[in-house]
Amino acid sequence: MFLTRRFLAFGTVVFLAAAGIALAETAPPHQGMMGSPEMEMKQKHHPEGMTPMADHPGMQAGLTAPTMPGQDAFGAIQEIVRMLDADPKTDWSKVDLEALRQHLVDMSEVTLKADAAAKPIDGGLEVAVTGSDRTLAAIQRMVPAHAQEINGLNGRSAKTAPLPNGVLLTVTATDPKEVQHLRGLGFIGLLASGSHHQPHHLAMAKGEFMHSH
């Protein structure tokens, strides 16, 4: 009886081993203990079971291409270039993107580097806009030109006078509410007022606007 049981146990082991060999021989290529070929590939390229976001339902739909240009002046020029490319009437023999670039340099100098000492005056605001070197040149080009643009806007009166190291900007109004408004805007708010900047940039890029930056 004892020998019979040992013989049966031995036979069972041999049978299971033979069955395992047969299953291994009939398995599809590259099919192993790890699972499907796709799973093996994911584990090979994404260790520790990590898979790319595209493999997760709902993740891929939320992804979009970057939109920020990385630099404001670059983005402004890029916008103009797209408009010029999209307009079949663009005369490329007159396009002057370098003039626009230099104007944007002036805008950066005046916005970020100029000193603007403002003080309230009767009926408005007076601002001494000063700087040196490249900033001074930008002030002398931009401030008088922008004063012309805001003169008459919302009943304002704007004028400039030269200073040894800059420009004196004076803006006044007759309406007391507008006086408070322009004082609240201050120097940079006044320069940013109105909607002439963008059309001005497009005209400059097209070579239609003669302006020394």
Protein backbone atom coordinates (compact mmCIF):
# COMPACT_ATOMS: atom_id res chain seq x y z
CA MET A 1 0.00 0.00 0.00
CA PHE A 2 2.80 2.40 0.91
CA LEU A 3 4.59 1.79 -2.41
CA THR A 4 1.38 2.26 -4.32
CA ARG A 5 0.84 5.71 -2.75
CA ARG A 6 4.39 6.79 -3.52
CA PHE A 7 4.02 5.59 -7.09
CA LEU A 8 0.77 7.57 -7.50
CA ALA A 9 2.35 10.73 -6.04
CA PHE A 10 5.35 10.43 -8.32
CA GLY A 11 3.06 9.94 -11.33
CA THR A 12 1.10 13.09 -10.43
CA VAL A 13 4.28 15.19 -10.28
CA VAL A 14 5.46 13.91 -13.65
CA PHE A 15 2.05 14.61 -15.20
CA LEU A 16 1.93 18.21 -13.89
CA ALA A 17 5.47 18.90 -15.09
CA ALA A 18 4.66 17.57 -18.56
CA ALA A 19 1.51 19.69 -18.70
CA GLY A 20 3.49 22.81 -17.74
CA ILE A 21 6.02 22.17 -20.53
CA ALA A 22 3.21 21.69 -23.06
CA LEU A 23 1.54 24.98 -22.04
CA ALA A 24 4.83 26.86 -22.31
CA GLU A 25 5.46 25.46 -25.78
CA THR A 26 1.99 26.45 -27.03
CA ALA A 27 1.97 29.99 -25.51
CA PRO A 28 2.10 32.93 -28.03
CA PRO A 29 5.51 34.48 -28.70
CA HIS A 30 6.70 36.87 -26.00
CA GLN A 31 3.86 35.72 -23.72
CA GLY A 32 5.39 35.06 -20.33
CA MET A 33 4.79 35.39 -16.65
CA MET A 34 4.59 39.16 -16.92
CA GLY A 35 1.35 39.06 -18.98
CA SER A 36 0.61 40.52 -22.41
CA PRO A 37 3.30 41.96 -24.72
CA GLU A 38 1.72 45.42 -24.20
CA MET A 39 2.07 45.12 -20.43
CA GLU A 40 5.69 44.00 -20.75
CA MET A 41 6.43 46.98 -23.00
CA LYS A 42 4.84 49.44 -20.53
CA GLN A 43 6.78 47.96 -17.63
CA LYS A 44 9.98 48.05 -19.65
CA HIS A 45 9.68 51.76 -20.50
CA HIS A 46 7.88 52.84 -17.33
CA PRO A 47 9.51 51.17 -14.32
CA GLU A 48 7.68 50.39 -11.11
CA GLY A 49 4.39 50.01 -12.94
CA MET A 50 4.24 53.66 -14.04
CA THR A 51 2.45 54.36 -17.33
CA PRO A 52 2.20 57.60 -19.33
CA MET A 53 -0.78 59.91 -18.79
CA ALA A 54 -2.18 58.94 -22.19
CA ASP A 55 -2.74 55.40 -20.82
CA HIS A 56 -5.15 56.69 -18.18
CA PRO A 57 -8.76 57.30 -19.28
CA GLY A 58 -9.67 61.00 -19.38
CA MET A 59 -6.11 62.29 -19.00
CA GLN A 60 -5.25 62.81 -22.65
CA ALA A 61 -8.38 64.84 -23.36
CA GLY A 62 -7.25 67.56 -20.92
CA LEU A 63 -3.85 68.13 -22.52
CA THR A 64 -3.36 71.13 -24.83
CA ALA A 65 -0.41 72.74 -26.60
CA PRO A 66 1.47 75.54 -24.79
CA THR A 67 0.17 79.04 -25.56
CA MET A 68 2.52 81.38 -23.69
CA PRO A 69 5.26 82.84 -25.94
CA GLY A 70 7.71 83.12 -23.05
CA GLN A 71 8.39 86.84 -23.52
CA ASP A 72 5.89 89.67 -23.93
CA ALA A 73 7.56 91.55 -26.77
CA PHE A 74 8.14 88.29 -28.63
CA GLY A 75 4.47 87.44 -28.20
CA ALA A 76 3.37 90.88 -29.48
CA ILE A 77 5.51 90.49 -32.60
CA GLN A 78 4.33 86.91 -33.08
CA GLU A 79 0.72 88.12 -33.04
CA ILE A 80 1.50 90.74 -35.70
CA VAL A 81 3.33 88.20 -37.87
CA ARG A 82 0.31 85.88 -37.78
CA MET A 83 -1.96 88.75 -38.84
CA LEU A 84 0.36 89.71 -41.68
CA ASP A 85 0.61 86.10 -42.85
CA ALA A 86 -3.18 85.73 -42.78
CA ASP A 87 -3.77 88.92 -44.80
CA PRO A 88 -3.36 88.30 -48.56
CA LYS A 89 -3.07 92.07 -49.06
CA THR A 90 0.10 92.36 -46.98
CA ASP A 91 2.79 94.21 -48.93
CA TRP A 92 5.92 92.43 -47.73
CA SER A 93 8.14 94.97 -49.46
CA LYS A 94 6.98 97.54 -46.87
CA VAL A 95 6.85 95.36 -43.75
CA ASP A 96 9.23 96.62 -41.03
CA LEU A 97 9.17 94.34 -38.01
CA GLU A 98 12.48 95.72 -36.81
CA ALA A 99 10.84 99.13 -36.32
CA LEU A 100 8.20 97.44 -34.19
CA ARG A 101 10.87 95.61 -32.20
CA GLN A 102 12.69 98.85 -31.44
CA HIS A 103 9.41 100.47 -30.39
CA LEU A 104 8.77 97.58 -28.00
CA VAL A 105 12.25 98.09 -26.56
CA ASP A 106 11.27 101.74 -25.95
CA MET A 107 8.07 100.61 -24.26
CA SER A 108 10.03 98.30 -21.97
CA GLU A 109 12.52 101.04 -21.08
CA VAL A 110 9.80 103.58 -20.23
CA THR A 111 7.57 101.08 -18.41
CA LEU A 112 10.24 99.36 -16.32
CA LYS A 113 13.22 101.69 -16.04
CA ALA A 114 12.04 105.31 -16.20
CA ASP A 115 11.62 107.32 -12.99
CA ALA A 116 8.19 108.96 -12.77
CA ALA A 117 7.83 111.60 -10.05
CA ALA A 118 4.17 112.63 -9.97
CA LYS A 119 2.57 115.45 -8.04
CA PRO A 120 -1.00 116.78 -7.99
CA ILE A 121 -1.52 120.22 -9.51
CA ASP A 122 -4.60 122.38 -9.86
CA GLY A 123 -6.98 120.41 -12.08
CA GLY A 124 -4.74 117.45 -12.69
CA LEU A 125 -1.34 115.83 -12.48
CA GLU A 126 2.24 116.67 -13.35
CA VAL A 127 4.83 113.94 -13.88
CA ALA A 128 8.59 114.35 -14.30
CA VAL A 129 9.62 111.32 -16.35
CA THR A 130 13.39 110.94 -16.24
CA GLY A 131 16.15 108.48 -17.04
CA SER A 132 19.54 108.10 -18.68
CA ASP A 133 21.13 106.56 -21.76
CA ARG A 134 18.75 104.21 -23.60
CA THR A 135 15.93 104.94 -21.16
CA LEU A 136 16.23 108.71 -21.72
CA ALA A 137 16.05 108.26 -25.49
CA ALA A 138 12.94 106.11 -25.09
CA ILE A 139 11.29 108.71 -22.84
CA GLN A 140 11.97 111.48 -25.35
CA ARG A 141 10.41 109.43 -28.14
CA MET A 142 7.44 107.92 -26.35
CA VAL A 143 6.08 110.39 -23.82
CA PRO A 144 5.40 113.33 -26.19
CA ALA A 145 3.86 110.96 -28.75
CA HIS A 146 1.57 109.38 -26.16
CA ALA A 147 0.62 112.78 -24.78
CA GLN A 148 -0.78 113.60 -28.21
CA GLU A 149 -2.82 110.39 -28.14
CA ILE A 150 -4.40 111.04 -24.73
CA ASN A 151 -4.96 114.75 -25.33
CA GLY A 152 -8.73 115.22 -25.57
CA LEU A 153 -9.51 111.71 -24.29
CA ASN A 154 -12.28 111.93 -21.67
CA GLY A 155 -11.95 115.70 -21.73
CA ARG A 156 -8.28 115.68 -20.74
CA SER A 157 -5.69 118.18 -21.78
CA ALA A 158 -2.19 116.72 -22.13
CA LYS A 159 1.07 118.46 -22.94
CA THR A 160 4.81 117.88 -22.51
CA ALA A 161 7.90 120.00 -21.97
CA PRO A 162 11.54 118.94 -22.19
CA LEU A 163 13.66 118.36 -19.10
CA PRO A 164 17.47 118.03 -19.05
CA ASN A 165 17.12 114.30 -18.32
CA GLY A 166 13.61 113.55 -19.53
CA VAL A 167 10.16 114.97 -20.19
CA LEU A 168 7.63 116.81 -18.04
CA LEU A 169 4.11 115.47 -18.68
CA THR A 170 1.13 117.58 -17.60
CA VAL A 171 -2.44 116.28 -17.79
CA THR A 172 -5.47 118.25 -16.60
CA ALA A 173 -9.26 118.12 -16.79
CA THR A 174 -12.17 120.40 -15.96
CA ASP A 175 -14.44 117.69 -14.53
CA PRO A 176 -13.55 117.04 -10.85
CA LYS A 177 -14.34 113.33 -11.27
CA GLU A 178 -11.99 113.09 -14.24
CA VAL A 179 -9.30 114.88 -12.24
CA GLN A 180 -9.50 112.14 -9.60
CA HIS A 181 -9.55 109.55 -12.36
CA LEU A 182 -6.34 110.70 -14.02
CA ARG A 183 -4.59 111.15 -10.69
CA GLY A 184 -5.52 107.58 -9.83
CA LEU A 185 -4.19 106.34 -13.15
CA GLY A 186 -0.85 108.03 -12.64
CA PHE A 187 1.90 108.06 -15.24
CA ILE A 188 1.79 104.49 -16.54
CA GLY A 189 -2.01 104.32 -16.37
CA LEU A 190 -2.27 107.43 -18.51
CA LEU A 191 0.15 106.04 -21.07
CA ALA A 192 -1.83 102.81 -21.22
CA SER A 193 -5.17 104.60 -21.64
CA GLY A 194 -7.04 104.35 -24.90
CA SER A 195 -6.87 101.70 -27.58
CA HIS A 196 -4.35 103.20 -29.97
CA HIS A 197 -1.41 100.94 -29.06
CA GLN A 198 -2.37 97.78 -30.96
CA PRO A 199 -3.41 99.49 -34.24
CA HIS A 200 -0.26 101.59 -33.93
CA HIS A 201 1.87 98.43 -33.70
CA LEU A 202 0.20 96.86 -36.72
CA ALA A 203 0.59 100.03 -38.80
CA MET A 204 4.25 100.30 -37.79
CA ALA A 205 4.89 96.67 -38.77
CA LYS A 206 3.24 97.28 -42.15
CA GLY A 207 5.46 100.30 -42.75
CA GLU A 208 2.41 102.60 -42.81
CA PHE A 209 3.24 104.63 -39.72
CA MET A 210 6.29 106.88 -39.78
CA HIS A 211 7.44 107.16 -36.19
CA SER A 212 10.89 107.15 -34.58
CA HIS A 213 10.03 104.17 -32.36
